[in-house]
């Protein structure tokens, strides 16, 4: 049975992805920060109710040794690492002229370096296994288009697109595909916080910023974690074997590129 690792799986999109991959029949390692222990353990229990094996791991994806241990403990705990979903990420809503270098570095440490570390450590392990694998990263519509007040976040997600393309080319000879998923507006805690911060800047009420952005969605609604998880399920499965280096929009029709 194949083994998938999903980072940032305590809640939101990561949790939806982990639960979907469990329903697909993969054994699952879920990881998140130690501060998210209660939520992550709940995710693990729900995965096990699907009849597959699951382990919960804790670490900081911005730190090399932490990611190395996450990968090693996945393989030792479940027998292999066949699918890596580098999902964990953070958002920032702030005018560029107000962003400090420290704030810039914090966003890129998680969204940029964190994805890089998950990609490379997973690839090293998959190459050692010799059986190929699938590496899947969290990008965004913000990796295809820059948005005001989200400039640093956008720059980190553009980096994920470039990394995905480069990694796909380097690791194809090892039978490893590398792709990313690009959600739009998702009904998660992260977007609640983005709405709050945009509202404070633009002096509008709760929910108004998200409502205004959602008016541009062709399908007429914001997405759920399950919408995104469906795409990741396909990327993790056999039908996507001939796709690599792509960052796929799953936004209900916001961008057309």
C-alpha atoms as a PDB file:
ATOM      1  CA  UNK A   1       0.000   0.000   0.000  1.00  0.00           C
ATOM      2  CA  UNK A   2       1.321   3.448  -0.872  1.00  0.00           C
ATOM      3  CA  UNK A   3       2.217   5.973   1.820  1.00  0.00           C
ATOM      4  CA  UNK A   4       1.466   9.701   1.649  1.00  0.00           C
ATOM      5  CA  UNK A   5       2.702  12.467   3.917  1.00  0.00           C
ATOM      6  CA  UNK A   6       0.623  15.650   4.210  1.00  0.00           C
ATOM      7  CA  UNK A   7       2.092  18.684   5.969  1.00  0.00           C
ATOM      8  CA  UNK A   8      -0.122  21.282   7.648  1.00  0.00           C
ATOM      9  CA  UNK A   9      -2.800  18.635   8.107  1.00  0.00           C
ATOM     10  CA  UNK A  10      -4.273  19.713  11.443  1.00  0.00           C
ATOM     11  CA  UNK A  11      -6.993  21.757   9.767  1.00  0.00           C
ATOM     12  CA  UNK A  12      -8.087  23.437   6.572  1.00  0.00           C
ATOM     13  CA  UNK A  13      -7.008  22.230   3.144  1.00  0.00           C
ATOM     14  CA  UNK A  14      -4.357  19.930   4.597  1.00  0.00           C
ATOM     15  CA  UNK A  15      -6.878  18.056   6.687  1.00  0.00           C
ATOM     16  CA  UNK A  16      -9.229  17.696   3.722  1.00  0.00           C
ATOM     17  CA  UNK A  17      -6.383  16.347   1.590  1.00  0.00           C
ATOM     18  CA  UNK A  18      -5.299  13.830   4.240  1.00  0.00           C
ATOM     19  CA  UNK A  19      -8.837  12.525   4.690  1.00  0.00           C
ATOM     20  CA  UNK A  20      -9.383  12.238   0.928  1.00  0.00           C
ATOM     21  CA  UNK A  21      -6.109  10.368   0.377  1.00  0.00           C
ATOM     22  CA  UNK A  22      -7.086   8.014   3.197  1.00  0.00           C
ATOM     23  CA  UNK A  23     -10.396   7.311   1.476  1.00  0.00           C
ATOM     24  CA  UNK A  24      -8.403   6.619  -1.678  1.00  0.00           C
ATOM     25  CA  UNK A  25      -6.630   3.834   0.208  1.00  0.00           C
ATOM     26  CA  UNK A  26      -3.247   5.358   1.030  1.00  0.00           C
ATOM     27  CA  UNK A  27      -1.648   5.004   4.434  1.00  0.00           C
ATOM     28  CA  UNK A  28      -1.153   8.524   5.757  1.00  0.00           C
ATOM     29  CA  UNK A  29       1.405  10.433   7.809  1.00  0.00           C
ATOM     30  CA  UNK A  30       0.095  13.822   8.885  1.00  0.00           C
ATOM     31  CA  UNK A  31       2.268  16.562  10.312  1.00  0.00           C
ATOM     32  CA  UNK A  32       1.954  20.024  11.770  1.00  0.00           C
ATOM     33  CA  UNK A  33       3.446  22.267  14.428  1.00  0.00           C
ATOM     34  CA  UNK A  34       3.504  20.966  18.025  1.00  0.00           C
ATOM     35  CA  UNK A  35       1.039  23.715  18.959  1.00  0.00           C
ATOM     36  CA  UNK A  36      -1.524  22.000  16.731  1.00  0.00           C
ATOM     37  CA  UNK A  37      -1.354  18.650  18.545  1.00  0.00           C
ATOM     38  CA  UNK A  38      -5.018  18.445  19.548  1.00  0.00           C
ATOM     39  CA  UNK A  39      -6.281  19.186  16.028  1.00  0.00           C
ATOM     40  CA  UNK A  40      -3.727  16.895  14.371  1.00  0.00           C
ATOM     41  CA  UNK A  41      -4.613  13.975  16.596  1.00  0.00           C
ATOM     42  CA  UNK A  42      -8.245  14.428  15.624  1.00  0.00           C
ATOM     43  CA  UNK A  43      -7.214  14.300  11.954  1.00  0.00           C
ATOM     44  CA  UNK A  44      -5.264  11.101  12.596  1.00  0.00           C
ATOM     45  CA  UNK A  45      -8.227   9.448  14.306  1.00  0.00           C
ATOM     46  CA  UNK A  46     -10.534  10.352  11.438  1.00  0.00           C
ATOM     47  CA  UNK A  47      -8.036   8.893   8.960  1.00  0.00           C
ATOM     48  CA  UNK A  48      -7.866   5.624  10.864  1.00  0.00           C
ATOM     49  CA  UNK A  49     -11.655   5.382  10.743  1.00  0.00           C
ATOM     50  CA  UNK A  50     -11.224   4.995   6.963  1.00  0.00           C
ATOM     51  CA  UNK A  51      -9.496   1.677   7.589  1.00  0.00           C
ATOM     52  CA  UNK A  52      -5.943   2.714   6.718  1.00  0.00           C
ATOM     53  CA  UNK A  53      -2.886   3.201   8.908  1.00  0.00           C
ATOM     54  CA  UNK A  54      -2.004   6.695  10.107  1.00  0.00           C
ATOM     55  CA  UNK A  55       0.682   8.380  12.179  1.00  0.00           C
ATOM     56  CA  UNK A  56       0.937  11.957  13.404  1.00  0.00           C
ATOM     57  CA  UNK A  57       4.264  13.781  13.386  1.00  0.00           C
ATOM     58  CA  UNK A  58       5.330  17.201  14.585  1.00  0.00           C
ATOM     59  CA  UNK A  59       7.867  19.623  13.204  1.00  0.00           C
ATOM     60  CA  UNK A  60       8.622  22.971  11.581  1.00  0.00           C
ATOM     61  CA  UNK A  61       8.878  22.701   7.802  1.00  0.00           C
ATOM     62  CA  UNK A  62      11.083  25.793   7.636  1.00  0.00           C
ATOM     63  CA  UNK A  63      13.871  23.906   9.442  1.00  0.00           C
ATOM     64  CA  UNK A  64      16.009  21.386   7.504  1.00  0.00           C
ATOM     65  CA  UNK A  65      16.533  18.867  10.308  1.00  0.00           C
ATOM     66  CA  UNK A  66      12.850  18.957  11.171  1.00  0.00           C
ATOM     67  CA  UNK A  67      11.808  18.103   7.615  1.00  0.00           C
ATOM     68  CA  UNK A  68      14.437  15.375   7.389  1.00  0.00           C
ATOM     69  CA  UNK A  69      12.989  13.757  10.511  1.00  0.00           C
ATOM     70  CA  UNK A  70       9.436  14.046   9.176  1.00  0.00           C
ATOM     71  CA  UNK A  71      10.453  12.135   6.066  1.00  0.00           C
ATOM     72  CA  UNK A  72      12.494   9.533   7.940  1.00  0.00           C
ATOM     73  CA  UNK A  73       9.775   8.955  10.525  1.00  0.00           C
ATOM     74  CA  UNK A  74       7.144   8.567   7.810  1.00  0.00           C
ATOM     75  CA  UNK A  75       9.164   5.835   6.110  1.00  0.00           C
ATOM     76  CA  UNK A  76      10.108   4.081   9.350  1.00  0.00           C
ATOM     77  CA  UNK A  77       6.577   4.291  10.732  1.00  0.00           C
ATOM     78  CA  UNK A  78       4.643   3.273   7.614  1.00  0.00           C
ATOM     79  CA  UNK A  79       7.239   1.480   5.492  1.00  0.00           C
ATOM     80  CA  UNK A  80       7.884   3.930   2.655  1.00  0.00           C
ATOM     81  CA  UNK A  81       7.259   7.421   1.322  1.00  0.00           C
ATOM     82  CA  UNK A  82       5.519   7.420  -2.047  1.00  0.00           C
ATOM     83  CA  UNK A  83       3.599  10.715  -2.048  1.00  0.00           C
ATOM     84  CA  UNK A  84       4.661  13.990  -0.439  1.00  0.00           C
ATOM     85  CA  UNK A  85       2.077  16.761  -0.194  1.00  0.00           C
ATOM     86  CA  UNK A  86       3.865  19.948   0.849  1.00  0.00           C
ATOM     87  CA  UNK A  87       0.706  21.718   1.928  1.00  0.00           C
ATOM     88  CA  UNK A  88       1.687  23.827   4.956  1.00  0.00           C
ATOM     89  CA  UNK A  89       1.761  27.563   4.410  1.00  0.00           C
ATOM     90  CA  UNK A  90       0.977  30.940   5.926  1.00  0.00           C
ATOM     91  CA  UNK A  91      -0.591  34.129   4.584  1.00  0.00           C
ATOM     92  CA  UNK A  92       0.176  37.785   5.101  1.00  0.00           C
ATOM     93  CA  UNK A  93      -2.073  40.726   4.293  1.00  0.00           C
ATOM     94  CA  UNK A  94      -0.181  43.998   4.334  1.00  0.00           C
ATOM     95  CA  UNK A  95       0.807  46.888   2.090  1.00  0.00           C
ATOM     96  CA  UNK A  96       4.277  46.320   0.678  1.00  0.00           C
ATOM     97  CA  UNK A  97       5.548  49.629   2.049  1.00  0.00           C
ATOM     98  CA  UNK A  98       4.624  48.463   5.543  1.00  0.00           C
ATOM     99  CA  UNK A  99       6.236  45.015   5.330  1.00  0.00           C
ATOM    100  CA  UNK A 100       9.424  44.616   7.350  1.00  0.00           C
ATOM    101  CA  UNK A 101      12.325  42.437   6.174  1.00  0.00           C
ATOM    102  CA  UNK A 102      11.612  40.128   9.097  1.00  0.00           C
ATOM    103  CA  UNK A 103       7.987  39.696   8.015  1.00  0.00           C
ATOM    104  CA  UNK A 104       9.086  39.015   4.442  1.00  0.00           C
ATOM    105  CA  UNK A 105      11.522  36.371   5.642  1.00  0.00           C
ATOM    106  CA  UNK A 106       8.880  34.695   7.820  1.00  0.00           C
ATOM    107  CA  UNK A 107       6.480  34.189   4.915  1.00  0.00           C
ATOM    108  CA  UNK A 108       9.189  32.918   2.587  1.00  0.00           C
ATOM    109  CA  UNK A 109      10.653  30.651   5.282  1.00  0.00           C
ATOM    110  CA  UNK A 110       7.403  28.671   5.355  1.00  0.00           C
ATOM    111  CA  UNK A 111       5.934  29.065   1.859  1.00  0.00           C
ATOM    112  CA  UNK A 112       9.217  29.048  -0.017  1.00  0.00           C
ATOM    113  CA  UNK A 113      11.957  27.326   1.963  1.00  0.00           C
ATOM    114  CA  UNK A 114       9.455  24.971   3.578  1.00  0.00           C
ATOM    115  CA  UNK A 115       8.219  23.691   0.238  1.00  0.00           C
ATOM    116  CA  UNK A 116      11.806  23.465  -1.036  1.00  0.00           C
ATOM    117  CA  UNK A 117      12.816  21.353   1.970  1.00  0.00           C
ATOM    118  CA  UNK A 118       9.780  19.076   1.662  1.00  0.00           C
ATOM    119  CA  UNK A 119      10.410  18.620  -2.050  1.00  0.00           C
ATOM    120  CA  UNK A 120      14.114  17.876  -1.732  1.00  0.00           C
ATOM    121  CA  UNK A 121      13.988  15.623   1.329  1.00  0.00           C
ATOM    122  CA  UNK A 122      11.129  13.638  -0.178  1.00  0.00           C
ATOM    123  CA  UNK A 123      13.007  13.332  -3.473  1.00  0.00           C
ATOM    124  CA  UNK A 124      16.156  12.077  -1.753  1.00  0.00           C
ATOM    125  CA  UNK A 125      14.146   9.392  -0.006  1.00  0.00           C
ATOM    126  CA  UNK A 126      12.231   8.403  -3.136  1.00  0.00           C
ATOM    127  CA  UNK A 127      15.448   8.160  -5.149  1.00  0.00           C
ATOM    128  CA  UNK A 128      16.919   5.930  -2.459  1.00  0.00           C
ATOM    129  CA  UNK A 129      13.797   3.742  -2.547  1.00  0.00           C
ATOM    130  CA  UNK A 130      14.154   3.439  -6.297  1.00  0.00           C
ATOM    131  CA  UNK A 131      10.417   3.197  -6.955  1.00  0.00           C
ATOM    132  CA  UNK A 132       9.657   6.729  -8.098  1.00  0.00           C
ATOM    133  CA  UNK A 133       7.003   8.839  -6.423  1.00  0.00           C
ATOM    134  CA  UNK A 134       4.735  11.855  -6.534  1.00  0.00           C
ATOM    135  CA  UNK A 135       5.597  15.219  -5.019  1.00  0.00           C
ATOM    136  CA  UNK A 136       2.773  17.746  -4.782  1.00  0.00           C
ATOM    137  CA  UNK A 137       3.075  21.311  -3.544  1.00  0.00           C
ATOM    138  CA  UNK A 138       0.765  24.063  -2.358  1.00  0.00           C
ATOM    139  CA  UNK A 139       0.765  26.943  -4.801  1.00  0.00           C
ATOM    140  CA  UNK A 140      -2.146  29.391  -5.300  1.00  0.00           C
ATOM    141  CA  UNK A 141      -3.860  31.668  -7.766  1.00  0.00           C
ATOM    142  CA  UNK A 142      -1.404  34.074  -6.124  1.00  0.00           C
ATOM    143  CA  UNK A 143       1.320  32.092  -7.872  1.00  0.00           C
ATOM    144  CA  UNK A 144      -0.192  33.053 -11.244  1.00  0.00           C
ATOM    145  CA  UNK A 145      -1.160  36.664 -10.538  1.00  0.00           C
ATOM    146  CA  UNK A 146      -0.022  39.293  -8.067  1.00  0.00           C
ATOM    147  CA  UNK A 147      -2.667  40.845  -5.817  1.00  0.00           C
ATOM    148  CA  UNK A 148      -2.516  44.123  -3.890  1.00  0.00           C
ATOM    149  CA  UNK A 149      -1.944  43.800  -0.138  1.00  0.00           C
ATOM    150  CA  UNK A 150      -0.801  40.200  -0.674  1.00  0.00           C
ATOM    151  CA  UNK A 151       2.492  40.969  -2.395  1.00  0.00           C
ATOM    152  CA  UNK A 152       4.826  38.974  -0.174  1.00  0.00           C
ATOM    153  CA  UNK A 153       2.478  35.982  -0.151  1.00  0.00           C
ATOM    154  CA  UNK A 154       2.217  36.175  -3.953  1.00  0.00           C
ATOM    155  CA  UNK A 155       5.996  36.308  -4.349  1.00  0.00           C
ATOM    156  CA  UNK A 156       6.353  33.152  -2.253  1.00  0.00           C
ATOM    157  CA  UNK A 157       3.780  31.312  -4.353  1.00  0.00           C
ATOM    158  CA  UNK A 158       5.354  32.395  -7.647  1.00  0.00           C
ATOM    159  CA  UNK A 159       8.484  30.757  -6.242  1.00  0.00           C
ATOM    160  CA  UNK A 160       6.623  27.492  -5.709  1.00  0.00           C
ATOM    161  CA  UNK A 161       5.657  27.450  -9.392  1.00  0.00           C
ATOM    162  CA  UNK A 162       9.266  27.910 -10.483  1.00  0.00           C
ATOM    163  CA  UNK A 163      10.525  25.307  -8.032  1.00  0.00           C
ATOM    164  CA  UNK A 164       7.908  22.838  -9.224  1.00  0.00           C
ATOM    165  CA  UNK A 165       8.954  23.250 -12.843  1.00  0.00           C
ATOM    166  CA  UNK A 166      12.658  22.879 -12.066  1.00  0.00           C
ATOM    167  CA  UNK A 167      12.219  19.897  -9.751  1.00  0.00           C
ATOM    168  CA  UNK A 168      10.011  18.105 -12.287  1.00  0.00           C
ATOM    169  CA  UNK A 169      12.766  18.288 -14.883  1.00  0.00           C
ATOM    170  CA  UNK A 170      15.563  17.248 -12.539  1.00  0.00           C
ATOM    171  CA  UNK A 171      13.773  14.266 -10.996  1.00  0.00           C
ATOM    172  CA  UNK A 172      11.904  12.874 -13.998  1.00  0.00           C
ATOM    173  CA  UNK A 173      14.734  10.377 -14.696  1.00  0.00           C
ATOM    174  CA  UNK A 174      14.010   8.878 -11.256  1.00  0.00           C
ATOM    175  CA  UNK A 175      10.324   8.356 -12.001  1.00  0.00           C
ATOM    176  CA  UNK A 176       9.272  11.224  -9.720  1.00  0.00           C
ATOM    177  CA  UNK A 177       6.571  13.635 -10.866  1.00  0.00           C
ATOM    178  CA  UNK A 178       6.285  17.090  -9.312  1.00  0.00           C
ATOM    179  CA  UNK A 179       3.116  19.173  -9.578  1.00  0.00           C
ATOM    180  CA  UNK A 180       1.308  21.834  -7.559  1.00  0.00           C
ATOM    181  CA  UNK A 181      -2.281  22.825  -6.867  1.00  0.00           C
ATOM    182  CA  UNK A 182      -3.429  26.437  -6.991  1.00  0.00           C
ATOM    183  CA  UNK A 183      -6.575  27.188  -4.981  1.00  0.00           C
ATOM    184  CA  UNK A 184      -8.450  30.453  -5.122  1.00  0.00           C
ATOM    185  CA  UNK A 185     -10.625  31.580  -2.220  1.00  0.00           C
ATOM    186  CA  UNK A 186     -11.168  28.664   0.148  1.00  0.00           C
ATOM    187  CA  UNK A 187     -13.486  28.605   3.145  1.00  0.00           C
ATOM    188  CA  UNK A 188     -10.755  27.974   5.723  1.00  0.00           C
ATOM    189  CA  UNK A 189      -9.363  29.695   8.807  1.00  0.00           C
ATOM    190  CA  UNK A 190      -6.582  31.230   6.714  1.00  0.00           C
ATOM    191  CA  UNK A 191      -9.101  33.018   4.525  1.00  0.00           C
ATOM    192  CA  UNK A 192     -11.056  34.146   7.584  1.00  0.00           C
ATOM    193  CA  UNK A 193      -7.863  35.843   8.734  1.00  0.00           C
ATOM    194  CA  UNK A 194      -7.181  37.320   5.293  1.00  0.00           C
ATOM    195  CA  UNK A 195     -10.725  38.722   5.230  1.00  0.00           C
ATOM    196  CA  UNK A 196     -10.227  40.182   8.701  1.00  0.00           C
ATOM    197  CA  UNK A 197      -6.964  41.879   7.769  1.00  0.00           C
ATOM    198  CA  UNK A 198      -8.239  43.194   4.441  1.00  0.00           C
ATOM    199  CA  UNK A 199     -11.311  44.516   6.220  1.00  0.00           C
ATOM    200  CA  UNK A 200      -9.168  46.381   8.736  1.00  0.00           C
ATOM    201  CA  UNK A 201      -7.106  47.974   5.973  1.00  0.00           C
ATOM    202  CA  UNK A 202     -10.071  48.870   3.750  1.00  0.00           C
ATOM    203  CA  UNK A 203     -12.364  49.713   6.673  1.00  0.00           C
ATOM    204  CA  UNK A 204     -15.142  47.278   5.752  1.00  0.00           C
ATOM    205  CA  UNK A 205     -17.017  44.755   7.868  1.00  0.00           C
ATOM    206  CA  UNK A 206     -16.443  41.071   8.507  1.00  0.00           C
ATOM    207  CA  UNK A 207     -16.941  38.969   5.404  1.00  0.00           C
ATOM    208  CA  UNK A 208     -17.143  41.924   3.033  1.00  0.00           C
ATOM    209  CA  UNK A 209     -13.645  41.540   1.566  1.00  0.00           C
ATOM    210  CA  UNK A 210     -14.129  37.859   0.844  1.00  0.00           C
ATOM    211  CA  UNK A 211     -17.564  38.573  -0.626  1.00  0.00           C
ATOM    212  CA  UNK A 212     -16.112  41.204  -2.946  1.00  0.00           C
ATOM    213  CA  UNK A 213     -13.357  38.898  -4.181  1.00  0.00           C
ATOM    214  CA  UNK A 214     -15.794  35.996  -4.577  1.00  0.00           C
ATOM    215  CA  UNK A 215     -17.875  38.021  -7.050  1.00  0.00           C
ATOM    216  CA  UNK A 216     -15.212  37.233  -9.611  1.00  0.00           C
ATOM    217  CA  UNK A 217     -15.700  33.444  -9.356  1.00  0.00           C
ATOM    218  CA  UNK A 218     -17.425  32.029 -12.436  1.00  0.00           C
ATOM    219  CA  UNK A 219     -18.979  29.111 -10.550  1.00  0.00           C
ATOM    220  CA  UNK A 220     -20.540  31.513  -8.063  1.00  0.00           C
ATOM    221  CA  UNK A 221     -19.140  30.260  -4.757  1.00  0.00           C
ATOM    222  CA  UNK A 222     -15.944  30.037  -2.758  1.00  0.00           C
ATOM    223  CA  UNK A 223     -14.301  26.631  -2.659  1.00  0.00           C
ATOM    224  CA  UNK A 224     -14.096  24.091   0.125  1.00  0.00           C
ATOM    225  CA  UNK A 225     -11.153  22.027   1.245  1.00  0.00           C
ATOM    226  CA  UNK A 226     -12.808  19.035  -0.391  1.00  0.00           C
ATOM    227  CA  UNK A 227     -12.773  20.799  -3.766  1.00  0.00           C
ATOM    228  CA  UNK A 228      -8.994  21.161  -3.535  1.00  0.00           C
ATOM    229  CA  UNK A 229      -8.543  17.670  -2.128  1.00  0.00           C
ATOM    230  CA  UNK A 230     -10.226  16.208  -5.198  1.00  0.00           C
ATOM    231  CA  UNK A 231      -7.505  17.649  -7.414  1.00  0.00           C
ATOM    232  CA  UNK A 232      -4.753  16.466  -5.089  1.00  0.00           C
ATOM    233  CA  UNK A 233      -6.320  13.000  -5.106  1.00  0.00           C
ATOM    234  CA  UNK A 234      -5.968  12.945  -8.886  1.00  0.00           C
ATOM    235  CA  UNK A 235      -2.377  14.215  -8.750  1.00  0.00           C
ATOM    236  CA  UNK A 236      -1.534  11.513  -6.203  1.00  0.00           C
ATOM    237  CA  UNK A 237      -3.206   8.755  -8.213  1.00  0.00           C
ATOM    238  CA  UNK A 238      -2.305   6.715 -11.289  1.00  0.00           C
ATOM    239  CA  UNK A 239      -4.243   8.786 -13.821  1.00  0.00           C
ATOM    240  CA  UNK A 240      -1.813  11.730 -13.504  1.00  0.00           C
ATOM    241  CA  UNK A 241       1.334   9.683 -14.146  1.00  0.00           C
ATOM    242  CA  UNK A 242       2.098  11.513 -17.418  1.00  0.00           C
ATOM    243  CA  UNK A 243       1.771  15.006 -15.915  1.00  0.00           C
ATOM    244  CA  UNK A 244       4.698  16.792 -14.327  1.00  0.00           C
ATOM    245  CA  UNK A 245       5.900  20.344 -13.736  1.00  0.00           C
ATOM    246  CA  UNK A 246       2.389  21.819 -13.700  1.00  0.00           C
ATOM    247  CA  UNK A 247       0.701  24.194 -11.253  1.00  0.00           C
ATOM    248  CA  UNK A 248      -3.002  23.591 -11.734  1.00  0.00           C
ATOM    249  CA  UNK A 249      -5.661  26.191 -10.988  1.00  0.00           C
ATOM    250  CA  UNK A 250      -8.563  24.958  -8.839  1.00  0.00           C
ATOM    251  CA  UNK A 251     -10.339  28.270  -8.287  1.00  0.00           C
ATOM    252  CA  UNK A 252     -13.897  27.909  -9.615  1.00  0.00           C
ATOM    253  CA  UNK A 253     -13.053  30.159 -12.547  1.00  0.00           C
ATOM    254  CA  UNK A 254     -11.206  33.212 -11.229  1.00  0.00           C
ATOM    255  CA  UNK A 255      -8.155  33.174 -13.493  1.00  0.00           C
ATOM    256  CA  UNK A 256      -8.011  31.962 -17.064  1.00  0.00           C
ATOM    257  CA  UNK A 257      -4.381  31.516 -18.110  1.00  0.00           C
END
